[in-house]
């Protein structure tokens, strides 16, 4: 993954942060997949596991018909931002 792609993903993440109370699960699932996370069959909620960063924790993204609660969306975005930071560290200078 290139620095340019990571910058674009970070912009997408920041745009989602500006509207915390109005984020749908499919938007977070799309961002998680763009960061190299794959769906896994475990738990009640859809769970995404990073194949690029095996040390990262599994990420559950609740799939509801309405928008996610602010706290839930914020926690998921925090984890995805950590993924971006970790991917940036892996890139050569």
PDB file of N, CA and C in Angstrom:
ATOM      1  N   UNK A   1       0.848  -1.168   0.000  1.00  0.00           N
ATOM      2  CA  UNK A   1       0.000   0.000   0.000  1.00  0.00           C
ATOM      3  C   UNK A   1       0.901   1.242   0.000  1.00  0.00           C
ATOM      4  N   UNK A   2       0.563   2.197  -0.835  1.00  0.00           N
ATOM      5  CA  UNK A   2       1.402   3.382  -0.988  1.00  0.00           C
ATOM      6  C   UNK A   2       1.013   4.473   0.014  1.00  0.00           C
ATOM      7  N   UNK A   3       1.919   5.440   0.163  1.00  0.00           N
ATOM      8  CA  UNK A   3       1.645   6.578   1.045  1.00  0.00           C
ATOM      9  C   UNK A   3       0.449   7.383   0.534  1.00  0.00           C
ATOM     10  N   UNK A   4       0.343   7.488  -0.773  1.00  0.00           N
ATOM     11  CA  UNK A   4      -0.766   8.239  -1.366  1.00  0.00           C
ATOM     12  C   UNK A   4      -2.106   7.599  -1.006  1.00  0.00           C
ATOM     13  N   UNK A   5      -2.167   6.287  -1.130  1.00  0.00           N
ATOM     14  CA  UNK A   5      -3.401   5.570  -0.802  1.00  0.00           C
ATOM     15  C   UNK A   5      -3.741   5.742   0.681  1.00  0.00           C
ATOM     16  N   UNK A   6      -2.734   5.670   1.543  1.00  0.00           N
ATOM     17  CA  UNK A   6      -2.961   5.854   2.974  1.00  0.00           C
ATOM     18  C   UNK A   6      -3.442   7.269   3.292  1.00  0.00           C
ATOM     19  N   UNK A   7      -2.896   8.272   2.576  1.00  0.00           N
ATOM     20  CA  UNK A   7      -3.371   9.652   2.764  1.00  0.00           C
ATOM     21  C   UNK A   7      -4.843   9.773   2.388  1.00  0.00           C
ATOM     22  N   UNK A   8      -5.227   9.143   1.282  1.00  0.00           N
ATOM     23  CA  UNK A   8      -6.623   9.181   0.841  1.00  0.00           C
ATOM     24  C   UNK A   8      -7.536   8.506   1.867  1.00  0.00           C
ATOM     25  N   UNK A   9      -7.087   7.373   2.401  1.00  0.00           N
ATOM     26  CA  UNK A   9      -7.883   6.663   3.394  1.00  0.00           C
ATOM     27  C   UNK A   9      -8.005   7.470   4.681  1.00  0.00           C
ATOM     28  N   UNK A  10      -6.929   8.174   5.049  1.00  0.00           N
ATOM     29  CA  UNK A  10      -6.979   9.012   6.253  1.00  0.00           C
ATOM     30  C   UNK A  10      -7.971  10.172   6.053  1.00  0.00           C
ATOM     31  N   UNK A  11      -8.003  10.748   4.860  1.00  0.00           N
ATOM     32  CA  UNK A  11      -8.967  11.814   4.562  1.00  0.00           C
ATOM     33  C   UNK A  11     -10.392  11.280   4.664  1.00  0.00           C
ATOM     34  N   UNK A  12     -10.599  10.080   4.151  1.00  0.00           N
ATOM     35  CA  UNK A  12     -11.920   9.448   4.234  1.00  0.00           C
ATOM     36  C   UNK A  12     -12.329   9.245   5.686  1.00  0.00           C
ATOM     37  N   UNK A  13     -11.376   8.793   6.501  1.00  0.00           N
ATOM     38  CA  UNK A  13     -11.638   8.567   7.916  1.00  0.00           C
ATOM     39  C   UNK A  13     -11.980   9.880   8.616  1.00  0.00           C
ATOM     40  N   UNK A  14     -11.222  10.933   8.324  1.00  0.00           N
ATOM     41  CA  UNK A  14     -11.485  12.232   8.949  1.00  0.00           C
ATOM     42  C   UNK A  14     -12.845  12.784   8.523  1.00  0.00           C
ATOM     43  N   UNK A  15     -13.234  12.545   7.272  1.00  0.00           N
ATOM     44  CA  UNK A  15     -14.552  12.989   6.806  1.00  0.00           C
ATOM     45  C   UNK A  15     -15.656  12.264   7.583  1.00  0.00           C
ATOM     46  N   UNK A  16     -15.445  10.986   7.881  1.00  0.00           N
ATOM     47  CA  UNK A  16     -16.423  10.235   8.663  1.00  0.00           C
ATOM     48  C   UNK A  16     -16.482  10.767  10.098  1.00  0.00           C
ATOM     49  N   UNK A  17     -15.351  11.170  10.641  1.00  0.00           N
ATOM     50  CA  UNK A  17     -15.326  11.699  12.018  1.00  0.00           C
ATOM     51  C   UNK A  17     -16.152  12.972  12.162  1.00  0.00           C
ATOM     52  N   UNK A  18     -16.259  13.750  11.090  1.00  0.00           N
ATOM     53  CA  UNK A  18     -17.011  15.004  11.175  1.00  0.00           C
ATOM     54  C   UNK A  18     -18.510  14.764  11.300  1.00  0.00           C
ATOM     55  N   UNK A  19     -18.969  13.564  10.980  1.00  0.00           N
ATOM     56  CA  UNK A  19     -20.397  13.253  11.079  1.00  0.00           C
ATOM     57  C   UNK A  19     -20.619  11.971  11.868  1.00  0.00           C
ATOM     58  N   UNK A  20     -20.077  11.931  13.055  1.00  0.00           N
ATOM     59  CA  UNK A  20     -20.121  10.740  13.905  1.00  0.00           C
ATOM     60  C   UNK A  20     -21.523  10.190  14.142  1.00  0.00           C
ATOM     61  N   UNK A  21     -22.502  11.041  14.279  1.00  0.00           N
ATOM     62  CA  UNK A  21     -23.845  10.567  14.580  1.00  0.00           C
ATOM     63  C   UNK A  21     -24.614  10.070  13.377  1.00  0.00           C
ATOM     64  N   UNK A  22     -23.971  10.075  12.197  1.00  0.00           N
ATOM     65  CA  UNK A  22     -24.683   9.718  10.984  1.00  0.00           C
ATOM     66  C   UNK A  22     -23.838   8.802  10.101  1.00  0.00           C
ATOM     67  N   UNK A  23     -23.260   7.757  10.679  1.00  0.00           N
ATOM     68  CA  UNK A  23     -22.422   6.820   9.932  1.00  0.00           C
ATOM     69  C   UNK A  23     -23.126   5.469   9.878  1.00  0.00           C
ATOM     70  N   UNK A  24     -23.203   4.911   8.682  1.00  0.00           N
ATOM     71  CA  UNK A  24     -23.789   3.585   8.520  1.00  0.00           C
ATOM     72  C   UNK A  24     -22.678   2.538   8.565  1.00  0.00           C
ATOM     73  N   UNK A  25     -23.036   1.341   8.943  1.00  0.00           N
ATOM     74  CA  UNK A  25     -22.039   0.281   9.098  1.00  0.00           C
ATOM     75  C   UNK A  25     -21.350  -0.045   7.774  1.00  0.00           C
ATOM     76  N   UNK A  26     -22.066   0.065   6.663  1.00  0.00           N
ATOM     77  CA  UNK A  26     -21.451  -0.278   5.377  1.00  0.00           C
ATOM     78  C   UNK A  26     -20.292   0.653   5.033  1.00  0.00           C
ATOM     79  N   UNK A  27     -20.342   1.916   5.497  1.00  0.00           N
ATOM     80  CA  UNK A  27     -19.252   2.854   5.252  1.00  0.00           C
ATOM     81  C   UNK A  27     -17.996   2.427   6.006  1.00  0.00           C
ATOM     82  N   UNK A  28     -18.179   1.978   7.240  1.00  0.00           N
ATOM     83  CA  UNK A  28     -17.032   1.514   8.034  1.00  0.00           C
ATOM     84  C   UNK A  28     -16.507   0.186   7.500  1.00  0.00           C
ATOM     85  N   UNK A  29     -17.397  -0.684   7.041  1.00  0.00           N
ATOM     86  CA  UNK A  29     -16.974  -1.957   6.459  1.00  0.00           C
ATOM     87  C   UNK A  29     -16.139  -1.710   5.211  1.00  0.00           C
ATOM     88  N   UNK A  30     -16.543  -0.749   4.398  1.00  0.00           N
ATOM     89  CA  UNK A  30     -15.805  -0.407   3.188  1.00  0.00           C
ATOM     90  C   UNK A  30     -14.402   0.099   3.519  1.00  0.00           C
ATOM     91  N   UNK A  31     -14.306   0.955   4.534  1.00  0.00           N
ATOM     92  CA  UNK A  31     -13.004   1.472   4.954  1.00  0.00           C
ATOM     93  C   UNK A  31     -12.125   0.362   5.518  1.00  0.00           C
ATOM     94  N   UNK A  32     -12.715  -0.529   6.292  1.00  0.00           N
ATOM     95  CA  UNK A  32     -11.959  -1.649   6.853  1.00  0.00           C
ATOM     96  C   UNK A  32     -11.406  -2.540   5.744  1.00  0.00           C
ATOM     97  N   UNK A  33     -12.211  -2.805   4.730  1.00  0.00           N
ATOM     98  CA  UNK A  33     -11.750  -3.635   3.610  1.00  0.00           C
ATOM     99  C   UNK A  33     -10.643  -2.934   2.837  1.00  0.00           C
ATOM    100  N   UNK A  34     -10.744  -1.617   2.685  1.00  0.00           N
ATOM    101  CA  UNK A  34      -9.712  -0.858   1.985  1.00  0.00           C
ATOM    102  C   UNK A  34      -8.382  -0.892   2.731  1.00  0.00           C
ATOM    103  N   UNK A  35      -8.440  -1.088   4.050  1.00  0.00           N
ATOM    104  CA  UNK A  35      -7.220  -1.169   4.865  1.00  0.00           C
ATOM    105  C   UNK A  35      -6.687  -2.592   4.978  1.00  0.00           C
ATOM    106  N   UNK A  36      -7.242  -3.507   4.208  1.00  0.00           N
ATOM    107  CA  UNK A  36      -6.722  -4.868   4.180  1.00  0.00           C
ATOM    108  C   UNK A  36      -7.368  -5.807   5.180  1.00  0.00           C
ATOM    109  N   UNK A  37      -8.486  -5.430   5.751  1.00  0.00           N
ATOM    110  CA  UNK A  37      -9.197  -6.323   6.672  1.00  0.00           C
ATOM    111  C   UNK A  37     -10.180  -7.174   5.888  1.00  0.00           C
ATOM    112  N   UNK A  38     -10.269  -8.431   6.266  1.00  0.00           N
ATOM    113  CA  UNK A  38     -11.163  -9.380   5.613  1.00  0.00           C
ATOM    114  C   UNK A  38     -12.224  -9.847   6.599  1.00  0.00           C
ATOM    115  N   UNK A  39     -13.453 -10.089   6.116  1.00  0.00           N
ATOM    116  CA  UNK A  39     -14.499 -10.608   7.004  1.00  0.00           C
ATOM    117  C   UNK A  39     -14.133 -11.989   7.542  1.00  0.00           C
ATOM    118  N   UNK A  40     -14.452 -12.235   8.796  1.00  0.00           N
ATOM    119  CA  UNK A  40     -14.187 -13.532   9.432  1.00  0.00           C
ATOM    120  C   UNK A  40     -15.486 -14.047  10.024  1.00  0.00           C
ATOM    121  N   UNK A  41     -15.622 -15.338  10.066  1.00  0.00           N
ATOM    122  CA  UNK A  41     -16.826 -15.944  10.631  1.00  0.00           C
ATOM    123  C   UNK A  41     -16.578 -16.238  12.105  1.00  0.00           C
ATOM    124  N   UNK A  42     -16.848 -15.247  12.938  1.00  0.00           N
ATOM    125  CA  UNK A  42     -16.720 -15.420  14.374  1.00  0.00           C
ATOM    126  C   UNK A  42     -17.551 -14.355  15.075  1.00  0.00           C
ATOM    127  N   UNK A  43     -18.147 -14.706  16.171  1.00  0.00           N
ATOM    128  CA  UNK A  43     -18.953 -13.777  16.945  1.00  0.00           C
ATOM    129  C   UNK A  43     -20.310 -13.509  16.328  1.00  0.00           C
ATOM    130  N   UNK A  44     -21.102 -12.714  17.038  1.00  0.00           N
ATOM    131  CA  UNK A  44     -22.454 -12.387  16.568  1.00  0.00           C
ATOM    132  C   UNK A  44     -22.435 -11.345  15.462  1.00  0.00           C
ATOM    133  N   UNK A  45     -21.605 -10.323  15.634  1.00  0.00           N
ATOM    134  CA  UNK A  45     -21.540  -9.235  14.665  1.00  0.00           C
ATOM    135  C   UNK A  45     -20.475  -9.538  13.611  1.00  0.00           C
ATOM    136  N   UNK A  46     -20.593  -8.911  12.428  1.00  0.00           N
ATOM    137  CA  UNK A  46     -19.541  -9.090  11.419  1.00  0.00           C
ATOM    138  C   UNK A  46     -18.189  -8.645  11.978  1.00  0.00           C
ATOM    139  N   UNK A  47     -17.199  -9.501  11.843  1.00  0.00           N
ATOM    140  CA  UNK A  47     -15.869  -9.244  12.378  1.00  0.00           C
ATOM    141  C   UNK A  47     -14.872  -9.183  11.236  1.00  0.00           C
ATOM    142  N   UNK A  48     -13.945  -8.248  11.317  1.00  0.00           N
ATOM    143  CA  UNK A  48     -12.935  -8.078  10.286  1.00  0.00           C
ATOM    144  C   UNK A  48     -11.557  -8.276  10.893  1.00  0.00           C
ATOM    145  N   UNK A  49     -10.736  -9.092  10.213  1.00  0.00           N
ATOM    146  CA  UNK A  49      -9.389  -9.406  10.682  1.00  0.00           C
ATOM    147  C   UNK A  49      -8.395  -8.896   9.647  1.00  0.00           C
ATOM    148  N   UNK A  50      -7.331  -8.273  10.119  1.00  0.00           N
ATOM    149  CA  UNK A  50      -6.313  -7.737   9.224  1.00  0.00           C
ATOM    150  C   UNK A  50      -5.333  -8.831   8.838  1.00  0.00           C
ATOM    151  N   UNK A  51      -5.177  -9.026   7.528  1.00  0.00           N
ATOM    152  CA  UNK A  51      -4.179  -9.976   7.043  1.00  0.00           C
ATOM    153  C   UNK A  51      -2.822  -9.299   6.902  1.00  0.00           C
ATOM    154  N   UNK A  52      -2.834  -7.982   6.718  1.00  0.00           N
ATOM    155  CA  UNK A  52      -1.596  -7.219   6.564  1.00  0.00           C
ATOM    156  C   UNK A  52      -0.933  -6.984   7.918  1.00  0.00           C
ATOM    157  N   UNK A  53      -1.761  -6.779   8.956  1.00  0.00           N
ATOM    158  CA  UNK A  53      -1.265  -6.527  10.312  1.00  0.00           C
ATOM    159  C   UNK A  53      -1.763  -7.629  11.246  1.00  0.00           C
ATOM    160  N   UNK A  54      -1.081  -8.754  11.301  1.00  0.00           N
ATOM    161  CA  UNK A  54      -1.570  -9.871  12.121  1.00  0.00           C
ATOM    162  C   UNK A  54      -1.610  -9.574  13.620  1.00  0.00           C
ATOM    163  N   UNK A  55      -0.853  -8.572  14.094  1.00  0.00           N
ATOM    164  CA  UNK A  55      -0.842  -8.253  15.524  1.00  0.00           C
ATOM    165  C   UNK A  55      -2.052  -7.412  15.934  1.00  0.00           C
ATOM    166  N   UNK A  56      -2.799  -6.882  14.966  1.00  0.00           N
ATOM    167  CA  UNK A  56      -3.945  -6.035  15.301  1.00  0.00           C
ATOM    168  C   UNK A  56      -5.123  -6.882  15.767  1.00  0.00           C
ATOM    169  N   UNK A  57      -5.954  -6.270  16.589  1.00  0.00           N
ATOM    170  CA  UNK A  57      -7.099  -6.979  17.157  1.00  0.00           C
ATOM    171  C   UNK A  57      -8.214  -7.118  16.123  1.00  0.00           C
ATOM    172  N   UNK A  58      -9.033  -8.168  16.237  1.00  0.00           N
ATOM    173  CA  UNK A  58     -10.208  -8.282  15.367  1.00  0.00           C
ATOM    174  C   UNK A  58     -11.156  -7.110  15.617  1.00  0.00           C
ATOM    175  N   UNK A  59     -11.820  -6.673  14.575  1.00  0.00           N
ATOM    176  CA  UNK A  59     -12.687  -5.506  14.653  1.00  0.00           C
ATOM    177  C   UNK A  59     -14.116  -5.900  14.318  1.00  0.00           C
ATOM    178  N   UNK A  60     -15.017  -5.747  15.282  1.00  0.00           N
ATOM    179  CA  UNK A  60     -16.432  -6.029  15.059  1.00  0.00           C
ATOM    180  C   UNK A  60     -17.138  -4.742  14.661  1.00  0.00           C
ATOM    181  N   UNK A  61     -17.883  -4.817  13.564  1.00  0.00           N
ATOM    182  CA  UNK A  61     -18.655  -3.675  13.098  1.00  0.00           C
ATOM    183  C   UNK A  61     -20.120  -4.099  13.091  1.00  0.00           C
ATOM    184  N   UNK A  62     -20.903  -3.617  14.048  1.00  0.00           N
ATOM    185  CA  UNK A  62     -22.320  -4.006  14.117  1.00  0.00           C
ATOM    186  C   UNK A  62     -23.051  -3.623  12.835  1.00  0.00           C
ATOM    187  N   UNK A  63     -23.891  -4.508  12.375  1.00  0.00           N
ATOM    188  CA  UNK A  63     -24.638  -4.272  11.140  1.00  0.00           C
ATOM    189  C   UNK A  63     -26.105  -4.088  11.498  1.00  0.00           C
ATOM    190  N   UNK A  64     -26.516  -2.824  11.614  1.00  0.00           N
ATOM    191  CA  UNK A  64     -27.892  -2.510  11.964  1.00  0.00           C
ATOM    192  C   UNK A  64     -28.543  -1.735  10.830  1.00  0.00           C
ATOM    193  N   UNK A  65     -29.854  -1.666  10.860  1.00  0.00           N
ATOM    194  CA  UNK A  65     -30.572  -0.970   9.793  1.00  0.00           C
ATOM    195  C   UNK A  65     -30.481   0.547   9.941  1.00  0.00           C
ATOM    196  N   UNK A  66     -30.141   1.018  11.124  1.00  0.00           N
ATOM    197  CA  UNK A  66     -30.006   2.459  11.341  1.00  0.00           C
ATOM    198  C   UNK A  66     -28.527   2.829  11.441  1.00  0.00           C
ATOM    199  N   UNK A  67     -28.274   4.102  11.668  1.00  0.00           N
ATOM    200  CA  UNK A  67     -26.891   4.543  11.827  1.00  0.00           C
ATOM    201  C   UNK A  67     -26.348   4.068  13.175  1.00  0.00           C
ATOM    202  N   UNK A  68     -25.029   4.007  13.268  1.00  0.00           N
ATOM    203  CA  UNK A  68     -24.376   3.555  14.496  1.00  0.00           C
ATOM    204  C   UNK A  68     -24.379   4.673  15.535  1.00  0.00           C
ATOM    205  N   UNK A  69     -24.321   4.294  16.792  1.00  0.00           N
ATOM    206  CA  UNK A  69     -24.218   5.277  17.868  1.00  0.00           C
ATOM    207  C   UNK A  69     -22.858   5.963  17.791  1.00  0.00           C
ATOM    208  N   UNK A  70     -22.796   7.187  18.308  1.00  0.00           N
ATOM    209  CA  UNK A  70     -21.569   7.983  18.232  1.00  0.00           C
ATOM    210  C   UNK A  70     -20.373   7.273  18.857  1.00  0.00           C
ATOM    211  N   UNK A  71     -20.554   6.721  20.044  1.00  0.00           N
ATOM    212  CA  UNK A  71     -19.456   6.052  20.738  1.00  0.00           C
ATOM    213  C   UNK A  71     -18.957   4.828  19.991  1.00  0.00           C
ATOM    214  N   UNK A  72     -19.875   4.052  19.452  1.00  0.00           N
ATOM    215  CA  UNK A  72     -19.505   2.856  18.694  1.00  0.00           C
ATOM    216  C   UNK A  72     -18.721   3.248  17.452  1.00  0.00           C
ATOM    217  N   UNK A  73     -19.243   4.218  16.706  1.00  0.00           N
ATOM    218  CA  UNK A  73     -18.566   4.662  15.485  1.00  0.00           C
ATOM    219  C   UNK A  73     -17.190   5.236  15.809  1.00  0.00           C
ATOM    220  N   UNK A  74     -17.092   5.997  16.882  1.00  0.00           N
ATOM    221  CA  UNK A  74     -15.822   6.599  17.273  1.00  0.00           C
ATOM    222  C   UNK A  74     -14.776   5.534  17.612  1.00  0.00           C
ATOM    223  N   UNK A  75     -15.179   4.512  18.350  1.00  0.00           N
ATOM    224  CA  UNK A  75     -14.248   3.439  18.709  1.00  0.00           C
ATOM    225  C   UNK A  75     -13.765   2.678  17.478  1.00  0.00           C
ATOM    226  N   UNK A  76     -14.657   2.426  16.546  1.00  0.00           N
ATOM    227  CA  UNK A  76     -14.273   1.727  15.321  1.00  0.00           C
ATOM    228  C   UNK A  76     -13.313   2.595  14.505  1.00  0.00           C
ATOM    229  N   UNK A  77     -13.606   3.885  14.402  1.00  0.00           N
ATOM    230  CA  UNK A  77     -12.716   4.793  13.669  1.00  0.00           C
ATOM    231  C   UNK A  77     -11.350   4.895  14.339  1.00  0.00           C
ATOM    232  N   UNK A  78     -11.304   4.857  15.668  1.00  0.00           N
ATOM    233  CA  UNK A  78     -10.021   4.867  16.384  1.00  0.00           C
ATOM    234  C   UNK A  78      -9.171   3.657  15.989  1.00  0.00           C
ATOM    235  N   UNK A  79      -9.798   2.494  15.930  1.00  0.00           N
ATOM    236  CA  UNK A  79      -9.068   1.274  15.568  1.00  0.00           C
ATOM    237  C   UNK A  79      -8.592   1.329  14.112  1.00  0.00           C
ATOM    238  N   UNK A  80      -9.433   1.844  13.224  1.00  0.00           N
ATOM    239  CA  UNK A  80      -9.038   1.956  11.821  1.00  0.00           C
ATOM    240  C   UNK A  80      -7.914   2.982  11.650  1.00  0.00           C
ATOM    241  N   UNK A  81      -7.946   4.044  12.451  1.00  0.00           N
ATOM    242  CA  UNK A  81      -6.862   5.029  12.405  1.00  0.00           C
ATOM    243  C   UNK A  81      -5.553   4.404  12.890  1.00  0.00           C
ATOM    244  N   UNK A  82      -5.629   3.551  13.880  1.00  0.00           N
ATOM    245  CA  UNK A  82      -4.440   2.839  14.360  1.00  0.00           C
ATOM    246  C   UNK A  82      -3.881   1.946  13.253  1.00  0.00           C
ATOM    247  N   UNK A  83      -4.771   1.324  12.484  1.00  0.00           N
ATOM    248  CA  UNK A  83      -4.327   0.513  11.348  1.00  0.00           C
ATOM    249  C   UNK A  83      -3.557   1.372  10.344  1.00  0.00           C
ATOM    250  N   UNK A  84      -4.069   2.565  10.051  1.00  0.00           N
ATOM    251  CA  UNK A  84      -3.377   3.454   9.114  1.00  0.00           C
ATOM    252  C   UNK A  84      -2.004   3.823   9.659  1.00  0.00           C
ATOM    253  N   UNK A  85      -1.927   4.156  10.946  1.00  0.00           N
ATOM    254  CA  UNK A  85      -0.634   4.494  11.566  1.00  0.00           C
ATOM    255  C   UNK A  85       0.346   3.326  11.463  1.00  0.00           C
ATOM    256  N   UNK A  86      -0.130   2.114  11.760  1.00  0.00           N
ATOM    257  CA  UNK A  86       0.737   0.930  11.699  1.00  0.00           C
ATOM    258  C   UNK A  86       1.186   0.646  10.275  1.00  0.00           C
ATOM    259  N   UNK A  87       0.315   0.846   9.302  1.00  0.00           N
ATOM    260  CA  UNK A  87       0.695   0.634   7.900  1.00  0.00           C
ATOM    261  C   UNK A  87       1.724   1.666   7.450  1.00  0.00           C
ATOM    262  N   UNK A  88       1.599   2.896   7.924  1.00  0.00           N
ATOM    263  CA  UNK A  88       2.586   3.924   7.587  1.00  0.00           C
ATOM    264  C   UNK A  88       3.965   3.573   8.139  1.00  0.00           C
ATOM    265  N   UNK A  89       3.995   2.971   9.325  1.00  0.00           N
ATOM    266  CA  UNK A  89       5.279   2.561   9.915  1.00  0.00           C
ATOM    267  C   UNK A  89       5.946   1.456   9.108  1.00  0.00           C
ATOM    268  N   UNK A  90       5.149   0.619   8.465  1.00  0.00           N
ATOM    269  CA  UNK A  90       5.698  -0.493   7.680  1.00  0.00           C
ATOM    270  C   UNK A  90       6.299  -0.046   6.354  1.00  0.00           C
ATOM    271  N   UNK A  91       5.894   1.137   5.875  1.00  0.00           N
ATOM    272  CA  UNK A  91       6.398   1.626   4.586  1.00  0.00           C
ATOM    273  C   UNK A  91       7.850   2.062   4.711  1.00  0.00           C
ATOM    274  N   UNK A  92       8.649   1.760   3.680  1.00  0.00           N
ATOM    275  CA  UNK A  92      10.036   2.242   3.705  1.00  0.00           C
ATOM    276  C   UNK A  92      10.071   3.747   3.482  1.00  0.00           C
ATOM    277  N   UNK A  93      11.094   4.405   3.995  1.00  0.00           N
ATOM    278  CA  UNK A  93      11.208   5.868   3.846  1.00  0.00           C
ATOM    279  C   UNK A  93      11.623   6.276   2.486  1.00  0.00           C
TER     280      UNK A  93
END
